[in-house]
Amino acid sequence: MADPAHASNPRTVLVAGASGLVGREILQGLLADASAAAVHTVGRRELPLEHPKLTQHIVDFTALPALPRVDEAFIALGTTIKVAGSQAAFRAVDFDAVVAVAKAAKAAGATRLGVVSAMGANARSSVFYNRVKGDMEDALSGLGFDTLVFARPSLLIGDRAALGQPVRSGEEAGEKVARCLGPLIPANYRPISVKCVAKALLKSVPDTKGRRTLLSGELRKF
């Protein structure tokens, strides 16, 4: 549903990672939002989706072309070391591709950016995954966006099989534990629905000034 505060100021929006769990929800939210006049996606393959205000761009993230003018962007790119096959291949997606899209969006006029990061992101972490996420956040923070919102969800709840993605055993295990322990688990560590993450970014990015980091407990409040 469109936000009345933005309905009179139509936006052109870029989405990267729309084939993934959170990216798919972000894209669907934008297509249903009257304040988003046009939506552009960038990805390695075409999505099985058509919509009057959707334009898809098939790209190589290592050599992104100039993008059409946009007002804001959402990046939901990400993989795992297991799926990527190596630490270098993981970093190529979760750092290199994310930074490349952010730079391209900035060059295309975007002043607002929302990004799916991860719980524990920290450039000084001893954990490789968390360190890459932290490096990514630091790199994007230096690009000069007026608005920069990072979502740091815990384990995601969503239907990966429906997207043709391998089910992540850690997410399944976390969901089972959460069902058993419920409120005993701190809010920031409970598994979270991908719909909550997408909704929080869609609502917070247009209204935020400066940098904001949303942990899972806060992501649930939107």
C-alpha atoms as a PDB file:
ATOM      1  CA  MET A   1       0.000   0.000   0.000  1.00  0.00           C
ATOM      2  CA  ALA A   2       1.256   3.451  -0.850  1.00  0.00           C
ATOM      3  CA  ASP A   3       2.437   5.751   1.908  1.00  0.00           C
ATOM      4  CA  PRO A   4       0.329   8.962   1.709  1.00  0.00           C
ATOM      5  CA  ALA A   5       3.357  10.999   2.721  1.00  0.00           C
ATOM      6  CA  HIS A   6       5.137  10.013  -0.485  1.00  0.00           C
ATOM      7  CA  ALA A   7       2.256   9.578  -2.931  1.00  0.00           C
ATOM      8  CA  SER A   8       2.684  13.150  -4.208  1.00  0.00           C
ATOM      9  CA  ASN A   9       6.412  12.645  -4.822  1.00  0.00           C
ATOM     10  CA  PRO A  10       6.785   9.669  -7.195  1.00  0.00           C
ATOM     11  CA  ARG A  11      10.074   7.784  -6.959  1.00  0.00           C
ATOM     12  CA  THR A  12      12.133   5.785  -9.409  1.00  0.00           C
ATOM     13  CA  VAL A  13      13.708   2.867  -7.596  1.00  0.00           C
ATOM     14  CA  LEU A  14      16.453   0.330  -8.268  1.00  0.00           C
ATOM     15  CA  VAL A  15      16.456  -3.187  -6.781  1.00  0.00           C
ATOM     16  CA  ALA A  16      19.409  -5.589  -6.855  1.00  0.00           C
ATOM     17  CA  GLY A  17      18.867  -9.145  -5.698  1.00  0.00           C
ATOM     18  CA  ALA A  18      15.166  -9.358  -6.562  1.00  0.00           C
ATOM     19  CA  SER A  19      15.486 -13.095  -7.234  1.00  0.00           C
ATOM     20  CA  GLY A  20      16.245 -13.747  -3.552  1.00  0.00           C
ATOM     21  CA  LEU A  21      14.031 -14.053  -0.497  1.00  0.00           C
ATOM     22  CA  VAL A  22      14.159 -10.483   0.783  1.00  0.00           C
ATOM     23  CA  GLY A  23      14.686  -8.902  -2.632  1.00  0.00           C
ATOM     24  CA  ARG A  24      11.550 -10.553  -3.975  1.00  0.00           C
ATOM     25  CA  GLU A  25       9.500  -9.066  -1.134  1.00  0.00           C
ATOM     26  CA  ILE A  26      11.045  -5.629  -1.664  1.00  0.00           C
ATOM     27  CA  LEU A  27      10.213  -5.752  -5.358  1.00  0.00           C
ATOM     28  CA  GLN A  28       6.608  -6.821  -4.756  1.00  0.00           C
ATOM     29  CA  GLY A  29       6.193  -4.041  -2.205  1.00  0.00           C
ATOM     30  CA  LEU A  30       7.470  -1.421  -4.636  1.00  0.00           C
ATOM     31  CA  LEU A  31       5.280  -2.651  -7.489  1.00  0.00           C
ATOM     32  CA  ALA A  32       2.253  -2.308  -5.199  1.00  0.00           C
ATOM     33  CA  ASP A  33       3.286   1.163  -3.999  1.00  0.00           C
ATOM     34  CA  ALA A  34       1.774   4.035  -5.985  1.00  0.00           C
ATOM     35  CA  SER A  35       4.590   6.348  -4.846  1.00  0.00           C
ATOM     36  CA  ALA A  36       7.072   4.190  -6.769  1.00  0.00           C
ATOM     37  CA  ALA A  37       6.470   5.339 -10.343  1.00  0.00           C
ATOM     38  CA  ALA A  38       9.095   3.092 -11.948  1.00  0.00           C
ATOM     39  CA  VAL A  39      11.142   0.153 -10.710  1.00  0.00           C
ATOM     40  CA  HIS A  40      14.368  -1.113 -12.279  1.00  0.00           C
ATOM     41  CA  THR A  41      15.965  -4.419 -11.337  1.00  0.00           C
ATOM     42  CA  VAL A  42      19.512  -5.573 -12.005  1.00  0.00           C
ATOM     43  CA  GLY A  43      20.363  -9.260 -12.011  1.00  0.00           C
ATOM     44  CA  ARG A  44      22.183 -12.032 -13.827  1.00  0.00           C
ATOM     45  CA  ARG A  45      18.976 -13.533 -15.186  1.00  0.00           C
ATOM     46  CA  GLU A  46      15.481 -12.382 -16.087  1.00  0.00           C
ATOM     47  CA  LEU A  47      12.741 -12.764 -13.508  1.00  0.00           C
ATOM     48  CA  PRO A  48       9.513 -14.553 -14.555  1.00  0.00           C
ATOM     49  CA  LEU A  49       7.559 -11.378 -13.896  1.00  0.00           C
ATOM     50  CA  GLU A  50       5.989  -8.610 -15.943  1.00  0.00           C
ATOM     51  CA  HIS A  51       4.556  -5.337 -14.662  1.00  0.00           C
ATOM     52  CA  PRO A  52       3.829  -1.985 -16.351  1.00  0.00           C
ATOM     53  CA  LYS A  53       6.330  -0.100 -14.202  1.00  0.00           C
ATOM     54  CA  LEU A  54       9.021  -2.804 -14.062  1.00  0.00           C
ATOM     55  CA  THR A  55      12.145  -2.741 -16.243  1.00  0.00           C
ATOM     56  CA  GLN A  56      14.625  -5.575 -15.904  1.00  0.00           C
ATOM     57  CA  HIS A  57      18.324  -5.199 -16.681  1.00  0.00           C
ATOM     58  CA  ILE A  58      20.404  -8.353 -17.148  1.00  0.00           C
ATOM     59  CA  VAL A  59      23.929  -7.473 -16.042  1.00  0.00           C
ATOM     60  CA  ASP A  60      27.371  -8.723 -15.183  1.00  0.00           C
ATOM     61  CA  PHE A  61      28.073  -7.396 -11.695  1.00  0.00           C
ATOM     62  CA  THR A  62      31.783  -7.215 -12.473  1.00  0.00           C
ATOM     63  CA  ALA A  63      31.111  -4.736 -15.295  1.00  0.00           C
ATOM     64  CA  LEU A  64      27.896  -2.882 -14.572  1.00  0.00           C
ATOM     65  CA  PRO A  65      26.630  -0.574 -17.325  1.00  0.00           C
ATOM     66  CA  ALA A  66      25.405   2.961 -16.688  1.00  0.00           C
ATOM     67  CA  LEU A  67      21.988   2.744 -15.084  1.00  0.00           C
ATOM     68  CA  PRO A  68      18.896   4.877 -15.765  1.00  0.00           C
ATOM     69  CA  ARG A  69      18.220   7.733 -13.386  1.00  0.00           C
ATOM     70  CA  VAL A  70      16.925   6.583  -9.981  1.00  0.00           C
ATOM     71  CA  ASP A  71      16.031   8.272  -6.705  1.00  0.00           C
ATOM     72  CA  GLU A  72      16.741   5.395  -4.343  1.00  0.00           C
ATOM     73  CA  ALA A  73      18.033   1.851  -4.360  1.00  0.00           C
ATOM     74  CA  PHE A  74      17.664  -1.387  -2.434  1.00  0.00           C
ATOM     75  CA  ILE A  75      20.360  -4.061  -2.427  1.00  0.00           C
ATOM     76  CA  ALA A  76      19.520  -7.587  -1.271  1.00  0.00           C
ATOM     77  CA  LEU A  77      22.443  -9.479  -2.794  1.00  0.00           C
ATOM     78  CA  GLY A  78      23.966 -12.300  -0.828  1.00  0.00           C
ATOM     79  CA  THR A  79      25.106 -15.904  -0.804  1.00  0.00           C
ATOM     80  CA  THR A  80      26.890 -18.330   1.524  1.00  0.00           C
ATOM     81  CA  ILE A  81      30.409 -19.691   1.397  1.00  0.00           C
ATOM     82  CA  LYS A  82      28.947 -23.177   0.854  1.00  0.00           C
ATOM     83  CA  VAL A  83      26.893 -22.063  -2.153  1.00  0.00           C
ATOM     84  CA  ALA A  84      29.602 -19.759  -3.533  1.00  0.00           C
ATOM     85  CA  GLY A  85      32.244 -22.460  -3.233  1.00  0.00           C
ATOM     86  CA  SER A  86      35.022 -20.435  -1.621  1.00  0.00           C
ATOM     87  CA  GLN A  87      35.684 -17.410   0.536  1.00  0.00           C
ATOM     88  CA  ALA A  88      36.838 -15.472  -2.521  1.00  0.00           C
ATOM     89  CA  ALA A  89      33.651 -16.288  -4.441  1.00  0.00           C
ATOM     90  CA  PHE A  90      31.562 -15.339  -1.408  1.00  0.00           C
ATOM     91  CA  ARG A  91      33.297 -11.974  -1.101  1.00  0.00           C
ATOM     92  CA  ALA A  92      32.787 -11.357  -4.827  1.00  0.00           C
ATOM     93  CA  VAL A  93      29.032 -11.356  -4.217  1.00  0.00           C
ATOM     94  CA  ASP A  94      28.600 -10.011  -0.698  1.00  0.00           C
ATOM     95  CA  PHE A  95      31.209  -7.275  -0.994  1.00  0.00           C
ATOM     96  CA  ASP A  96      32.262  -6.622  -4.596  1.00  0.00           C
ATOM     97  CA  ALA A  97      28.834  -6.887  -6.238  1.00  0.00           C
ATOM     98  CA  VAL A  98      27.085  -4.962  -3.468  1.00  0.00           C
ATOM     99  CA  VAL A  99      29.592  -2.105  -3.600  1.00  0.00           C
ATOM    100  CA  ALA A 100      29.486  -2.058  -7.401  1.00  0.00           C
ATOM    101  CA  VAL A 101      25.687  -1.701  -7.418  1.00  0.00           C
ATOM    102  CA  ALA A 102      25.796   0.998  -4.748  1.00  0.00           C
ATOM    103  CA  LYS A 103      28.335   3.002  -6.764  1.00  0.00           C
ATOM    104  CA  ALA A 104      26.294   2.583  -9.942  1.00  0.00           C
ATOM    105  CA  ALA A 105      23.131   3.682  -8.140  1.00  0.00           C
ATOM    106  CA  LYS A 106      24.912   6.738  -6.746  1.00  0.00           C
ATOM    107  CA  ALA A 107      26.172   7.626 -10.238  1.00  0.00           C
ATOM    108  CA  ALA A 108      22.576   7.271 -11.495  1.00  0.00           C
ATOM    109  CA  GLY A 109      21.370   9.872  -9.002  1.00  0.00           C
ATOM    110  CA  ALA A 110      20.261   7.794  -6.011  1.00  0.00           C
ATOM    111  CA  THR A 111      20.447   9.661  -2.720  1.00  0.00           C
ATOM    112  CA  ARG A 112      18.845   6.931  -0.580  1.00  0.00           C
ATOM    113  CA  LEU A 113      20.008   3.346  -0.165  1.00  0.00           C
ATOM    114  CA  GLY A 114      18.676   0.375   1.787  1.00  0.00           C
ATOM    115  CA  VAL A 115      20.830  -2.737   2.155  1.00  0.00           C
ATOM    116  CA  VAL A 116      20.307  -6.219   3.554  1.00  0.00           C
ATOM    117  CA  SER A 117      23.355  -6.977   5.695  1.00  0.00           C
ATOM    118  CA  ALA A 118      23.563  -9.555   8.493  1.00  0.00           C
ATOM    119  CA  MET A 119      23.534  -9.865  12.245  1.00  0.00           C
ATOM    120  CA  GLY A 120      27.088  -9.635  13.522  1.00  0.00           C
ATOM    121  CA  ALA A 121      28.434  -7.505  10.670  1.00  0.00           C
ATOM    122  CA  ASN A 122      31.750  -6.125  11.901  1.00  0.00           C
ATOM    123  CA  ALA A 123      34.865  -5.310   9.889  1.00  0.00           C
ATOM    124  CA  ARG A 124      37.026  -6.312  12.900  1.00  0.00           C
ATOM    125  CA  SER A 125      35.318  -9.653  13.490  1.00  0.00           C
ATOM    126  CA  SER A 126      37.374 -12.842  13.599  1.00  0.00           C
ATOM    127  CA  VAL A 127      34.534 -14.548  11.696  1.00  0.00           C
ATOM    128  CA  PHE A 128      35.076 -14.246   7.940  1.00  0.00           C
ATOM    129  CA  TYR A 129      31.354 -13.935   7.066  1.00  0.00           C
ATOM    130  CA  ASN A 130      30.783 -11.152   9.598  1.00  0.00           C
ATOM    131  CA  ARG A 131      33.981  -9.389   8.563  1.00  0.00           C
ATOM    132  CA  VAL A 132      32.955  -9.264   4.907  1.00  0.00           C
ATOM    133  CA  LYS A 133      29.551  -7.858   5.874  1.00  0.00           C
ATOM    134  CA  GLY A 134      31.261  -5.259   8.048  1.00  0.00           C
ATOM    135  CA  ASP A 135      33.680  -4.331   5.267  1.00  0.00           C
ATOM    136  CA  MET A 136      30.696  -3.908   2.954  1.00  0.00           C
ATOM    137  CA  GLU A 137      28.885  -1.625   5.389  1.00  0.00           C
ATOM    138  CA  ASP A 138      32.004   0.499   5.875  1.00  0.00           C
ATOM    139  CA  ALA A 139      32.554   0.789   2.108  1.00  0.00           C
ATOM    140  CA  LEU A 140      28.975   1.887   1.482  1.00  0.00           C
ATOM    141  CA  SER A 141      29.126   4.364   4.353  1.00  0.00           C
ATOM    142  CA  GLY A 142      31.902   6.182   2.530  1.00  0.00           C
ATOM    143  CA  LEU A 143      29.956   6.705  -0.692  1.00  0.00           C
ATOM    144  CA  GLY A 144      28.086   9.807   0.453  1.00  0.00           C
ATOM    145  CA  PHE A 145      24.427   8.746   0.358  1.00  0.00           C
ATOM    146  CA  ASP A 146      22.080  11.147   2.150  1.00  0.00           C
ATOM    147  CA  THR A 147      20.217   8.116   3.516  1.00  0.00           C
ATOM    148  CA  LEU A 148      21.797   4.737   4.225  1.00  0.00           C
ATOM    149  CA  VAL A 149      19.832   2.029   6.039  1.00  0.00           C
ATOM    150  CA  PHE A 150      21.297  -1.361   6.892  1.00  0.00           C
ATOM    151  CA  ALA A 151      19.015  -4.222   7.893  1.00  0.00           C
ATOM    152  CA  ARG A 152      20.827  -6.779  10.041  1.00  0.00           C
ATOM    153  CA  PRO A 153      18.404  -9.698  10.326  1.00  0.00           C
ATOM    154  CA  SER A 154      19.061 -12.871  12.244  1.00  0.00           C
ATOM    155  CA  LEU A 155      18.179 -16.200  10.581  1.00  0.00           C
ATOM    156  CA  LEU A 156      15.631 -15.638   7.817  1.00  0.00           C
ATOM    157  CA  ILE A 157      12.288 -17.411   7.549  1.00  0.00           C
ATOM    158  CA  GLY A 158      11.143 -17.799   3.965  1.00  0.00           C
ATOM    159  CA  ASP A 159      10.443 -20.320   1.239  1.00  0.00           C
ATOM    160  CA  ARG A 160      13.783 -20.824  -0.527  1.00  0.00           C
ATOM    161  CA  ALA A 161      12.549 -23.949  -2.310  1.00  0.00           C
ATOM    162  CA  ALA A 162       9.937 -21.856  -4.148  1.00  0.00           C
ATOM    163  CA  LEU A 163      12.784 -19.787  -5.595  1.00  0.00           C
ATOM    164  CA  GLY A 164      14.777 -22.839  -6.606  1.00  0.00           C
ATOM    165  CA  GLN A 165      17.359 -22.114  -3.906  1.00  0.00           C
ATOM    166  CA  PRO A 166      18.927 -24.741  -1.633  1.00  0.00           C
ATOM    167  CA  VAL A 167      17.386 -24.851   1.819  1.00  0.00           C
ATOM    168  CA  ARG A 168      19.810 -23.614   4.475  1.00  0.00           C
ATOM    169  CA  SER A 169      19.979 -26.087   7.343  1.00  0.00           C
ATOM    170  CA  GLY A 170      20.925 -23.374   9.842  1.00  0.00           C
ATOM    171  CA  GLU A 171      17.752 -21.442   9.089  1.00  0.00           C
ATOM    172  CA  GLU A 172      15.597 -24.558   9.474  1.00  0.00           C
ATOM    173  CA  ALA A 173      17.253 -25.454  12.769  1.00  0.00           C
ATOM    174  CA  GLY A 174      16.919 -21.908  14.063  1.00  0.00           C
ATOM    175  CA  GLU A 175      13.227 -21.814  13.239  1.00  0.00           C
ATOM    176  CA  LYS A 176      12.629 -25.086  15.109  1.00  0.00           C
ATOM    177  CA  VAL A 177      14.484 -23.834  18.180  1.00  0.00           C
ATOM    178  CA  ALA A 178      12.546 -20.557  18.070  1.00  0.00           C
ATOM    179  CA  ARG A 179       9.220 -22.414  18.000  1.00  0.00           C
ATOM    180  CA  CYS A 180      10.254 -24.308  21.127  1.00  0.00           C
ATOM    181  CA  LEU A 181      11.799 -21.483  23.133  1.00  0.00           C
ATOM    182  CA  GLY A 182       9.758 -18.538  21.825  1.00  0.00           C
ATOM    183  CA  PRO A 183      10.112 -15.412  23.997  1.00  0.00           C
ATOM    184  CA  LEU A 184      13.073 -16.875  25.898  1.00  0.00           C
ATOM    185  CA  ILE A 185      15.233 -15.963  22.893  1.00  0.00           C
ATOM    186  CA  PRO A 186      16.265 -12.258  22.788  1.00  0.00           C
ATOM    187  CA  ALA A 187      14.426 -10.380  20.032  1.00  0.00           C
ATOM    188  CA  ASN A 188      17.589  -9.700  18.010  1.00  0.00           C
ATOM    189  CA  TYR A 189      18.398 -13.418  17.805  1.00  0.00           C
ATOM    190  CA  ARG A 190      15.016 -14.879  16.915  1.00  0.00           C
ATOM    191  CA  PRO A 191      14.521 -16.030  13.303  1.00  0.00           C
ATOM    192  CA  ILE A 192      12.676 -13.367  11.347  1.00  0.00           C
ATOM    193  CA  SER A 193      10.322 -13.447   8.380  1.00  0.00           C
ATOM    194  CA  VAL A 194      11.668 -12.058   5.127  1.00  0.00           C
ATOM    195  CA  LYS A 195       8.452 -10.045   4.873  1.00  0.00           C
ATOM    196  CA  CYS A 196       9.376  -8.179   8.069  1.00  0.00           C
ATOM    197  CA  VAL A 197      12.824  -7.327   6.744  1.00  0.00           C
ATOM    198  CA  ALA A 198      11.484  -6.059   3.426  1.00  0.00           C
ATOM    199  CA  LYS A 199       8.703  -4.050   5.052  1.00  0.00           C
ATOM    200  CA  ALA A 200      11.128  -2.377   7.453  1.00  0.00           C
ATOM    201  CA  LEU A 201      13.451  -1.285   4.641  1.00  0.00           C
ATOM    202  CA  LEU A 202      10.604  -0.082   2.437  1.00  0.00           C
ATOM    203  CA  LYS A 203       9.205   2.051   5.236  1.00  0.00           C
ATOM    204  CA  SER A 204      12.437   3.361   6.727  1.00  0.00           C
ATOM    205  CA  VAL A 205      14.506   4.287   3.654  1.00  0.00           C
ATOM    206  CA  PRO A 206      12.223   7.103   2.350  1.00  0.00           C
ATOM    207  CA  ASP A 207      11.969   8.650   5.835  1.00  0.00           C
ATOM    208  CA  THR A 208      15.537   8.343   7.169  1.00  0.00           C
ATOM    209  CA  LYS A 209      18.282  10.946   7.079  1.00  0.00           C
ATOM    210  CA  GLY A 210      21.848   9.790   7.576  1.00  0.00           C
ATOM    211  CA  ARG A 211      22.898   6.248   8.487  1.00  0.00           C
ATOM    212  CA  ARG A 212      20.640   3.844  10.369  1.00  0.00           C
ATOM    213  CA  THR A 213      21.170   0.218  11.384  1.00  0.00           C
ATOM    214  CA  LEU A 214      18.128  -1.945  12.089  1.00  0.00           C
ATOM    215  CA  LEU A 215      18.633  -5.115  14.123  1.00  0.00           C
ATOM    216  CA  SER A 216      16.104  -7.939  14.046  1.00  0.00           C
ATOM    217  CA  GLY A 217      14.244  -6.739  17.126  1.00  0.00           C
ATOM    218  CA  GLU A 218      13.626  -3.370  15.512  1.00  0.00           C
ATOM    219  CA  LEU A 219      12.887  -4.850  12.089  1.00  0.00           C
ATOM    220  CA  ARG A 220       9.836  -6.543  13.602  1.00  0.00           C
ATOM    221  CA  LYS A 221       8.299  -3.219  14.694  1.00  0.00           C
ATOM    222  CA  PHE A 222       7.504  -1.825  11.230  1.00  0.00           C
END
